[in-house]
N, C-alpha and C. Protein backbone atom coordinates (compact mmCIF):
# COMPACT_ATOMS: atom_id res chain seq x y z
N MET A 1 92.92 73.83 134.17
CA MET A 1 93.23 74.04 132.82
C MET A 1 94.58 74.66 132.79
N LYS A 2 95.36 74.23 131.78
CA LYS A 2 96.71 74.80 131.58
C LYS A 2 96.66 76.16 130.80
N GLU A 3 97.49 76.99 131.28
CA GLU A 3 97.43 78.31 130.73
C GLU A 3 98.41 78.39 129.48
N ARG A 4 98.01 79.08 128.40
CA ARG A 4 98.80 79.18 127.20
C ARG A 4 99.65 80.40 127.48
N LEU A 5 100.87 80.34 126.92
CA LEU A 5 101.83 81.50 127.24
C LEU A 5 102.78 81.67 125.97
N ALA A 6 102.82 82.90 125.51
CA ALA A 6 103.89 83.34 124.60
C ALA A 6 105.03 83.87 125.25
N ARG A 7 106.23 83.27 125.12
CA ARG A 7 107.34 83.62 126.00
C ARG A 7 108.59 83.61 125.10
N GLU A 8 109.42 84.60 125.23
CA GLU A 8 110.71 84.73 124.59
C GLU A 8 111.75 85.09 125.56
N THR A 9 112.97 84.52 125.56
CA THR A 9 114.08 84.95 126.33
C THR A 9 115.17 85.48 125.64
N LEU A 10 116.06 86.29 126.22
CA LEU A 10 117.12 86.88 125.56
C LEU A 10 118.30 86.97 126.62
N ALA A 11 119.45 86.45 126.29
CA ALA A 11 120.58 86.43 127.16
C ALA A 11 121.21 87.81 127.24
N ILE A 12 121.68 88.25 128.38
CA ILE A 12 122.23 89.53 128.62
C ILE A 12 123.76 89.25 128.67
N PRO A 13 124.68 89.79 127.63
CA PRO A 13 125.99 89.57 127.67
C PRO A 13 126.75 90.26 128.94
N LYS A 14 127.98 89.81 129.07
CA LYS A 14 128.83 90.40 130.13
C LYS A 14 129.20 91.86 129.72
N GLY A 15 129.17 92.77 130.69
CA GLY A 15 129.50 94.12 130.41
C GLY A 15 128.28 94.97 130.15
N VAL A 16 127.10 94.35 130.17
CA VAL A 16 125.92 95.07 129.82
C VAL A 16 124.94 95.02 131.16
N VAL A 17 124.57 96.14 131.46
CA VAL A 17 123.56 96.23 132.66
C VAL A 17 122.14 96.53 132.09
N LEU A 18 121.20 95.68 132.40
CA LEU A 18 119.90 95.86 131.88
C LEU A 18 118.92 95.96 133.11
N ASP A 19 118.13 97.01 133.04
CA ASP A 19 117.28 97.30 134.12
C ASP A 19 115.76 97.41 133.60
N VAL A 20 114.79 96.81 134.26
CA VAL A 20 113.40 96.81 133.86
C VAL A 20 112.66 97.45 135.07
N ARG A 21 111.89 98.55 134.71
CA ARG A 21 111.04 99.10 135.82
C ARG A 21 109.68 99.60 135.09
N GLU A 22 108.67 98.98 135.55
CA GLU A 22 107.36 99.28 135.04
C GLU A 22 107.21 99.41 133.58
N GLY A 23 107.77 98.42 132.83
CA GLY A 23 107.68 98.48 131.34
C GLY A 23 108.74 99.21 130.59
N THR A 24 109.59 99.97 131.30
CA THR A 24 110.71 100.76 130.78
C THR A 24 111.90 100.00 130.97
N VAL A 25 112.64 99.74 129.73
CA VAL A 25 113.88 98.97 129.79
C VAL A 25 115.05 99.90 129.51
N THR A 26 115.99 99.89 130.38
CA THR A 26 117.19 100.71 130.26
C THR A 26 118.45 99.77 130.12
N VAL A 27 119.20 99.99 129.10
CA VAL A 27 120.36 99.09 128.89
C VAL A 27 121.59 100.05 128.81
N ASN A 28 122.62 99.70 129.75
CA ASN A 28 123.85 100.45 129.86
C ASN A 28 124.96 99.51 129.27
N GLY A 29 125.92 100.10 128.58
CA GLY A 29 127.04 99.27 128.04
C GLY A 29 128.27 100.19 127.78
N PRO A 30 129.29 99.61 127.30
CA PRO A 30 130.62 100.33 127.08
C PRO A 30 130.41 101.61 126.22
N LEU A 31 129.46 101.59 125.26
CA LEU A 31 129.30 102.81 124.33
C LEU A 31 128.24 103.78 124.82
N GLY A 32 127.46 103.42 125.77
CA GLY A 32 126.44 104.38 126.27
C GLY A 32 125.24 103.80 126.85
N SER A 33 124.17 104.54 126.94
CA SER A 33 122.90 104.03 127.60
C SER A 33 121.77 104.29 126.63
N LEU A 34 120.86 103.34 126.59
CA LEU A 34 119.57 103.47 125.86
C LEU A 34 118.50 103.13 126.79
N GLN A 35 117.34 103.82 126.45
CA GLN A 35 116.18 103.57 127.23
C GLN A 35 114.99 103.53 126.29
N ASN A 36 113.98 102.55 126.55
CA ASN A 36 112.89 102.41 125.72
C ASN A 36 111.67 102.08 126.56
N ASP A 37 110.47 102.62 126.24
CA ASP A 37 109.34 102.42 127.06
C ASP A 37 108.33 101.45 126.40
N PHE A 38 108.22 100.38 126.95
CA PHE A 38 107.23 99.34 126.42
C PHE A 38 106.05 99.18 127.31
N SER A 39 105.65 100.21 128.13
CA SER A 39 104.60 100.03 129.11
C SER A 39 103.25 99.99 128.25
N HIS A 40 103.18 100.53 127.10
CA HIS A 40 101.87 100.47 126.34
C HIS A 40 101.52 99.01 125.89
N ALA A 41 102.54 98.19 125.80
CA ALA A 41 102.29 96.80 125.35
C ALA A 41 101.66 95.87 126.37
N GLN A 42 100.86 95.00 125.92
CA GLN A 42 100.30 94.10 126.95
C GLN A 42 101.24 92.91 127.19
N VAL A 43 102.41 93.12 127.61
CA VAL A 43 103.45 92.10 127.85
C VAL A 43 104.04 92.30 129.19
N THR A 44 104.59 91.24 129.77
CA THR A 44 105.35 91.32 131.04
C THR A 44 106.83 91.13 130.77
N ILE A 45 107.67 92.16 131.08
CA ILE A 45 109.05 92.03 130.85
C ILE A 45 109.74 91.99 132.31
N GLU A 46 110.53 90.85 132.42
CA GLU A 46 111.21 90.51 133.66
C GLU A 46 112.63 90.15 133.44
N ARG A 47 113.48 90.58 134.41
CA ARG A 47 114.90 90.23 134.24
C ARG A 47 115.01 88.97 135.27
N GLU A 48 115.61 87.94 134.70
CA GLU A 48 115.84 86.60 135.57
C GLU A 48 117.36 86.35 135.49
N GLY A 49 118.14 86.82 136.34
CA GLY A 49 119.55 86.57 136.33
C GLY A 49 120.22 87.15 135.21
N ALA A 50 120.77 86.31 134.30
CA ALA A 50 121.54 86.76 133.10
C ALA A 50 120.60 86.80 131.89
N GLN A 51 119.37 86.85 132.20
CA GLN A 51 118.38 86.81 130.91
C GLN A 51 117.25 87.71 131.27
N VAL A 52 116.68 88.13 130.12
CA VAL A 52 115.35 88.93 130.31
C VAL A 52 114.39 88.15 129.58
N SER A 53 113.13 88.06 130.08
CA SER A 53 112.07 87.33 129.49
C SER A 53 110.90 88.25 129.23
N ILE A 54 110.30 88.08 128.03
CA ILE A 54 109.16 88.82 127.67
C ILE A 54 107.99 87.79 127.44
N GLU A 55 106.84 87.98 128.06
CA GLU A 55 105.86 87.00 127.95
C GLU A 55 104.50 87.67 127.92
N THR A 56 103.49 86.96 127.56
CA THR A 56 102.00 87.41 127.62
C THR A 56 101.18 86.20 127.77
N PRO A 57 100.16 86.22 128.72
CA PRO A 57 99.28 85.01 128.85
C PRO A 57 98.17 85.10 127.84
N TRP A 58 97.76 83.90 127.42
CA TRP A 58 96.62 83.76 126.56
C TRP A 58 96.75 84.59 125.39
N PRO A 59 97.71 84.35 124.57
CA PRO A 59 98.05 85.28 123.41
C PRO A 59 97.18 85.02 122.21
N ASN A 60 96.79 86.01 121.56
CA ASN A 60 96.24 85.91 120.16
C ASN A 60 97.48 86.07 119.25
N LYS A 61 97.23 86.15 118.01
CA LYS A 61 98.28 86.27 117.00
C LYS A 61 98.98 87.53 117.08
N ARG A 62 98.37 88.73 117.40
CA ARG A 62 98.93 89.96 117.58
C ARG A 62 99.86 90.06 118.76
N LYS A 63 99.33 89.59 119.84
CA LYS A 63 100.09 89.62 121.13
C LYS A 63 101.36 88.69 121.05
N ALA A 64 101.14 87.53 120.46
CA ALA A 64 102.45 86.71 120.21
C ALA A 64 103.42 87.30 119.30
N ALA A 65 102.95 88.04 118.30
CA ALA A 65 103.92 88.74 117.51
C ALA A 65 104.63 89.93 118.23
N LEU A 66 103.90 90.57 119.11
CA LEU A 66 104.34 91.71 119.85
C LEU A 66 105.60 91.23 120.80
N VAL A 67 105.40 90.03 121.33
CA VAL A 67 106.51 89.50 122.20
C VAL A 67 107.70 89.40 121.40
N GLY A 68 107.80 88.85 120.21
CA GLY A 68 108.96 88.74 119.35
C GLY A 68 109.49 90.14 118.98
N THR A 69 108.67 91.14 118.75
CA THR A 69 109.03 92.41 118.37
C THR A 69 109.79 93.13 119.49
N ILE A 70 109.20 93.03 120.68
CA ILE A 70 109.88 93.59 121.78
C ILE A 70 111.18 92.96 122.01
N ARG A 71 111.30 91.72 121.96
CA ARG A 71 112.58 91.01 122.05
C ARG A 71 113.54 91.54 121.11
N SER A 72 113.22 91.76 119.79
CA SER A 72 114.06 92.32 118.89
C SER A 72 114.58 93.70 119.18
N HIS A 73 113.64 94.56 119.75
CA HIS A 73 113.99 95.91 120.16
C HIS A 73 115.04 95.94 121.14
N ILE A 74 114.89 94.99 122.18
CA ILE A 74 115.79 94.81 123.35
C ILE A 74 117.17 94.32 122.84
N ARG A 75 117.10 93.35 121.93
CA ARG A 75 118.39 92.82 121.39
C ARG A 75 119.06 93.92 120.56
N ASN A 76 118.41 94.88 119.77
CA ASN A 76 119.01 95.89 119.15
C ASN A 76 119.65 96.86 120.12
N MET A 77 118.93 97.17 121.27
CA MET A 77 119.47 98.00 122.30
C MET A 77 120.79 97.40 122.81
N ILE A 78 120.80 96.11 123.10
CA ILE A 78 122.11 95.57 123.54
C ILE A 78 123.21 95.58 122.63
N VAL A 79 122.91 95.30 121.39
CA VAL A 79 123.94 95.45 120.31
C VAL A 79 124.39 96.81 120.12
N GLY A 80 123.44 97.77 120.25
CA GLY A 80 123.84 99.28 120.12
C GLY A 80 124.80 99.64 121.24
N VAL A 81 124.62 99.32 122.43
CA VAL A 81 125.46 99.78 123.50
C VAL A 81 126.80 98.98 123.59
N THR A 82 126.89 97.79 122.92
CA THR A 82 128.18 97.15 122.80
C THR A 82 128.84 97.31 121.66
N ALA A 83 128.22 97.40 120.39
CA ALA A 83 129.00 97.45 119.18
C ALA A 83 128.62 98.76 118.38
N GLY A 84 127.31 99.19 118.46
CA GLY A 84 126.83 100.36 117.70
C GLY A 84 126.44 99.89 116.37
N PHE A 85 125.92 100.91 115.59
CA PHE A 85 125.46 100.66 114.21
C PHE A 85 126.06 101.73 113.33
N GLU A 86 126.24 101.30 111.98
CA GLU A 86 126.77 102.29 111.04
C GLU A 86 126.18 101.98 109.67
N TYR A 87 125.76 103.07 109.01
CA TYR A 87 125.16 103.06 107.67
C TYR A 87 126.15 103.86 106.82
N LYS A 88 126.38 103.28 105.70
CA LYS A 88 127.20 104.10 104.64
C LYS A 88 126.37 104.34 103.43
N LEU A 89 126.55 105.69 103.06
CA LEU A 89 125.74 106.14 101.87
C LEU A 89 126.69 106.68 100.86
N LYS A 90 126.22 106.56 99.58
CA LYS A 90 127.19 107.00 98.49
C LYS A 90 126.45 108.00 97.72
N THR A 91 127.16 109.15 97.40
CA THR A 91 126.66 110.23 96.59
C THR A 91 126.86 109.88 95.16
N VAL A 92 125.78 109.85 94.34
CA VAL A 92 125.87 109.49 92.90
C VAL A 92 125.24 110.67 92.14
N TYR A 93 126.08 111.15 91.11
CA TYR A 93 125.59 112.15 90.18
C TYR A 93 126.16 111.98 88.91
N ALA A 94 125.46 112.44 87.82
CA ALA A 94 125.85 112.28 86.40
C ALA A 94 126.46 113.55 85.92
N HIS A 95 125.65 114.59 85.98
CA HIS A 95 126.10 115.89 85.27
C HIS A 95 126.46 116.98 86.33
N PHE A 96 125.52 117.28 87.19
CA PHE A 96 125.67 118.41 88.17
C PHE A 96 126.43 117.88 89.37
N PRO A 97 127.66 118.29 89.71
CA PRO A 97 128.27 117.76 90.90
C PRO A 97 127.73 118.21 92.16
N MET A 98 127.10 117.28 92.95
CA MET A 98 126.34 117.65 94.13
C MET A 98 127.33 117.59 95.30
N SER A 99 127.10 118.40 96.29
CA SER A 99 127.93 118.47 97.52
C SER A 99 127.03 118.29 98.69
N VAL A 100 127.67 117.48 99.67
CA VAL A 100 126.91 117.04 100.87
C VAL A 100 127.83 117.58 102.05
N LYS A 101 127.12 118.27 102.90
CA LYS A 101 127.90 118.73 104.19
C LYS A 101 127.00 118.67 105.40
N VAL A 102 127.55 118.67 106.55
CA VAL A 102 126.81 118.59 107.85
C VAL A 102 126.88 120.01 108.43
N GLN A 103 125.66 120.57 108.77
CA GLN A 103 125.61 121.88 109.33
C GLN A 103 124.62 121.87 110.54
N GLY A 104 125.18 121.83 111.76
CA GLY A 104 124.39 121.70 112.98
C GLY A 104 123.73 120.33 113.02
N ARG A 105 122.42 120.36 113.17
CA ARG A 105 121.61 119.04 113.16
C ARG A 105 120.97 118.74 111.87
N GLU A 106 121.54 119.15 110.84
CA GLU A 106 120.98 118.87 109.50
C GLU A 106 122.15 118.47 108.53
N VAL A 107 121.75 117.72 107.53
CA VAL A 107 122.71 117.38 106.35
C VAL A 107 122.10 118.28 105.20
N ILE A 108 123.13 118.96 104.67
CA ILE A 108 122.79 119.85 103.57
C ILE A 108 123.26 119.30 102.25
N ILE A 109 122.34 119.17 101.27
CA ILE A 109 122.65 118.59 99.87
C ILE A 109 122.63 119.85 98.89
N GLU A 110 123.67 120.22 98.31
CA GLU A 110 123.65 121.40 97.48
C GLU A 110 123.87 121.02 96.00
N ASN A 111 123.38 121.81 95.06
CA ASN A 111 123.45 121.66 93.65
C ASN A 111 122.90 120.29 93.16
N TYR A 112 121.81 119.80 93.78
CA TYR A 112 121.21 118.60 93.32
C TYR A 112 120.44 118.89 92.07
N HIS A 113 120.84 118.28 91.00
CA HIS A 113 120.16 118.51 89.69
C HIS A 113 120.32 120.00 89.32
N GLY A 114 121.26 120.64 89.79
CA GLY A 114 121.47 122.12 89.45
C GLY A 114 120.51 123.07 90.18
N GLU A 115 119.89 122.52 91.23
CA GLU A 115 118.94 123.41 91.91
C GLU A 115 119.66 124.41 92.76
N ARG A 116 118.97 125.57 92.90
CA ARG A 116 119.66 126.65 93.57
C ARG A 116 119.52 126.60 95.02
N ARG A 117 118.34 126.07 95.48
CA ARG A 117 118.13 125.93 96.86
C ARG A 117 118.70 124.54 97.34
N PRO A 118 119.35 124.57 98.54
CA PRO A 118 119.87 123.27 99.05
C PRO A 118 118.65 122.40 99.63
N ARG A 119 118.94 121.08 99.56
CA ARG A 119 117.96 120.27 100.24
C ARG A 119 118.50 119.95 101.58
N ARG A 120 117.60 119.71 102.55
CA ARG A 120 118.01 119.50 103.92
C ARG A 120 117.33 118.15 104.54
N ALA A 121 118.19 117.48 105.32
CA ALA A 121 117.71 116.19 105.94
C ALA A 121 118.05 116.33 107.34
N PRO A 122 117.05 116.18 108.31
CA PRO A 122 117.40 116.29 109.74
C PRO A 122 118.13 115.19 110.20
N ILE A 123 118.90 115.30 111.28
CA ILE A 123 119.61 114.23 111.96
C ILE A 123 118.87 114.03 113.27
N ARG A 124 118.51 112.80 113.42
CA ARG A 124 117.76 112.36 114.69
C ARG A 124 118.73 111.80 115.78
N GLY A 125 118.28 112.26 116.99
CA GLY A 125 118.95 111.81 118.15
C GLY A 125 120.42 112.17 118.25
N ASP A 126 121.18 111.18 119.02
CA ASP A 126 122.62 111.37 119.14
C ASP A 126 123.34 110.57 118.07
N VAL A 127 123.31 111.00 116.83
CA VAL A 127 123.82 110.35 115.72
C VAL A 127 124.86 111.18 115.21
N LYS A 128 126.00 110.51 114.76
CA LYS A 128 127.24 111.29 114.22
C LYS A 128 127.10 111.03 112.73
N VAL A 129 127.24 112.07 111.91
CA VAL A 129 127.18 112.01 110.42
C VAL A 129 128.59 112.71 109.92
N THR A 130 129.31 111.93 109.14
CA THR A 130 130.56 112.37 108.61
C THR A 130 130.44 112.25 107.05
N VAL A 131 131.11 113.21 106.39
CA VAL A 131 131.16 113.31 105.01
C VAL A 131 132.63 113.19 104.52
N ALA A 132 132.98 112.28 103.70
CA ALA A 132 134.37 112.17 103.21
C ALA A 132 134.25 111.87 101.70
N GLY A 133 134.47 112.92 100.89
CA GLY A 133 134.35 112.78 99.43
C GLY A 133 132.97 112.40 99.03
N ASP A 134 132.73 111.24 98.38
CA ASP A 134 131.42 110.93 97.92
C ASP A 134 130.80 109.97 98.90
N ASP A 135 131.38 109.67 100.08
CA ASP A 135 130.82 108.82 101.08
C ASP A 135 130.16 109.55 102.27
N VAL A 136 129.09 109.14 102.72
CA VAL A 136 128.43 109.72 103.92
C VAL A 136 128.26 108.59 104.91
N THR A 137 128.78 108.76 106.14
CA THR A 137 128.70 107.73 107.19
C THR A 137 127.81 108.20 108.26
N VAL A 138 126.83 107.44 108.66
CA VAL A 138 125.90 107.73 109.75
C VAL A 138 126.11 106.61 110.79
N ALA A 139 126.59 107.05 112.02
CA ALA A 139 126.86 106.07 113.06
C ALA A 139 126.27 106.51 114.39
N GLY A 140 125.89 105.52 115.18
CA GLY A 140 125.34 105.81 116.51
C GLY A 140 124.93 104.44 117.21
N ILE A 141 124.44 104.63 118.41
CA ILE A 141 124.11 103.40 119.18
C ILE A 141 122.67 103.09 119.12
N ASN A 142 121.79 104.00 118.71
CA ASN A 142 120.34 103.75 118.63
C ASN A 142 120.07 103.37 117.20
N LEU A 143 119.60 102.15 116.92
CA LEU A 143 119.34 101.80 115.52
C LEU A 143 118.29 102.49 114.80
N GLU A 144 117.28 102.87 115.60
CA GLU A 144 116.07 103.70 115.12
C GLU A 144 116.57 105.04 114.62
N HIS A 145 117.43 105.65 115.30
CA HIS A 145 117.86 106.96 115.04
C HIS A 145 118.82 106.92 113.94
N VAL A 146 119.71 105.97 113.79
CA VAL A 146 120.69 105.83 112.74
C VAL A 146 120.02 105.48 111.39
N SER A 147 119.03 104.62 111.44
CA SER A 147 118.32 104.21 110.14
C SER A 147 117.47 105.35 109.74
N GLN A 148 116.78 106.05 110.51
CA GLN A 148 115.83 107.08 110.20
C GLN A 148 116.75 108.38 109.63
N THR A 149 117.95 108.59 110.23
CA THR A 149 118.84 109.65 109.63
C THR A 149 119.18 109.30 108.21
N ALA A 150 119.63 108.04 108.08
CA ALA A 150 119.99 107.64 106.75
C ALA A 150 118.86 107.74 105.77
N ALA A 151 117.73 107.37 106.15
CA ALA A 151 116.49 107.34 105.30
C ALA A 151 116.16 108.78 105.02
N ASN A 152 116.32 109.72 105.95
CA ASN A 152 116.05 111.16 105.73
C ASN A 152 116.97 111.73 104.59
N ILE A 153 118.29 111.33 104.69
CA ILE A 153 119.26 111.86 103.70
C ILE A 153 118.93 111.22 102.32
N GLN A 154 118.59 109.88 102.30
CA GLN A 154 118.19 109.31 100.97
C GLN A 154 116.94 109.85 100.45
N GLU A 155 115.91 110.10 101.26
CA GLU A 155 114.70 110.63 100.84
C GLU A 155 114.80 112.10 100.37
N ALA A 156 115.76 112.90 100.95
CA ALA A 156 115.84 114.28 100.58
C ALA A 156 116.34 114.34 99.06
N THR A 157 116.89 113.30 98.51
CA THR A 157 117.35 113.34 97.17
C THR A 157 116.45 112.56 96.31
N GLN A 158 115.23 112.24 96.67
CA GLN A 158 114.33 111.42 95.86
C GLN A 158 113.84 112.26 94.74
N ILE A 159 113.93 111.63 93.41
CA ILE A 159 113.62 112.36 92.20
C ILE A 159 111.99 112.32 92.08
N LYS A 160 111.43 113.43 91.67
CA LYS A 160 110.08 113.53 91.30
C LYS A 160 109.83 114.03 89.97
N ARG A 161 108.76 113.58 89.34
CA ARG A 161 108.37 113.96 88.03
C ARG A 161 109.42 113.69 86.91
N LYS A 162 110.22 112.71 87.17
CA LYS A 162 111.24 112.28 86.23
C LYS A 162 111.21 110.82 86.24
N ASP A 163 111.77 110.11 85.24
CA ASP A 163 111.96 108.61 85.18
C ASP A 163 113.11 108.37 86.07
N GLN A 164 112.82 107.59 87.20
CA GLN A 164 113.82 107.09 88.12
C GLN A 164 114.89 106.18 87.52
N ARG A 165 114.53 105.56 86.45
CA ARG A 165 115.42 104.68 85.79
C ARG A 165 116.54 105.32 84.95
N VAL A 166 116.22 106.63 84.59
CA VAL A 166 117.15 107.43 83.83
C VAL A 166 117.99 108.39 84.71
N PHE A 167 117.18 109.19 85.55
CA PHE A 167 117.83 110.07 86.41
C PHE A 167 118.26 109.38 87.75
N LEU A 168 119.37 108.92 87.83
CA LEU A 168 119.79 108.13 88.99
C LEU A 168 120.56 108.88 90.01
N ASP A 169 120.64 110.10 89.93
CA ASP A 169 121.31 111.00 90.93
C ASP A 169 120.66 110.93 92.31
N GLY A 170 121.50 110.97 93.33
CA GLY A 170 120.92 110.91 94.71
C GLY A 170 122.06 110.39 95.69
N VAL A 171 121.56 110.26 96.88
CA VAL A 171 122.40 109.65 97.97
C VAL A 171 121.76 108.35 98.36
N TYR A 172 122.51 107.23 98.20
CA TYR A 172 121.90 105.90 98.41
C TYR A 172 122.72 105.14 99.52
N VAL A 173 121.87 104.44 100.35
CA VAL A 173 122.50 103.48 101.35
C VAL A 173 123.12 102.32 100.57
N TYR A 174 124.36 101.91 100.94
CA TYR A 174 124.91 100.79 100.15
C TYR A 174 125.57 99.80 101.27
N GLU A 175 125.62 100.19 102.47
CA GLU A 175 126.07 99.28 103.53
C GLU A 175 125.51 99.59 104.82
N LYS A 176 125.14 98.48 105.52
CA LYS A 176 124.63 98.51 106.89
C LYS A 176 125.54 97.62 107.68
N ARG A 177 126.08 98.11 108.82
CA ARG A 177 127.01 97.33 109.71
C ARG A 177 126.72 97.48 111.18
N LYS A 178 126.99 96.35 111.89
CA LYS A 178 126.99 96.45 113.33
C LYS A 178 128.48 96.64 113.71
N GLY A 179 128.69 97.50 114.65
CA GLY A 179 130.11 97.85 115.02
C GLY A 179 130.64 99.00 114.36
N ILE A 180 131.02 99.94 115.22
CA ILE A 180 131.50 101.24 114.65
C ILE A 180 132.94 101.61 115.25
N GLU A 181 133.54 102.38 114.56
CA GLU A 181 134.96 102.74 115.00
C GLU A 181 134.88 103.72 116.08
N SER A 182 134.09 104.82 115.88
CA SER A 182 134.00 105.82 116.95
C SER A 182 132.55 106.46 116.92
N VAL A 183 131.99 106.69 118.05
CA VAL A 183 130.72 107.33 118.09
C VAL A 183 130.79 108.44 119.10
N ALA A 184 131.82 109.34 118.99
CA ALA A 184 131.87 110.51 119.87
C ALA A 184 131.10 111.64 119.49
């Protein structure tokens, strides 16, 4: 009987070192190093020369989808250590001029709708947040940390108990890019 197999492969570009040990994938590149543990998944991850393969035998629908998901995670790790990720956010306000600043591992949003207490958004992982006027830039090599930090900033200014079509004040993501100028 022929065995069914869900299999995906991914090419490893030059300048990237990928190591697989017991379900843990480590990717090293010019911008840094990332590590992710996939040992909980019922898949086999192997490096074959300049490629990495992810496969599972006798897959059902969920296992076959998991193979593609893990492939995407590894691809994002490779893009992160070679180019990085950058999210740009815009500060929007109508009446009360809101100010955004970075303080330690938090983004502080002051005077949002004239509130006396500042709103706070945590910064995840090794992510660099810069504020220049009305623009907030979130940059780093780990896509999950960059996107979660941008979501934390946007969610900190979410309006409640008012019509969101009328009260448009907040900090909103307007651009997502691969490739960053500096991640120091």
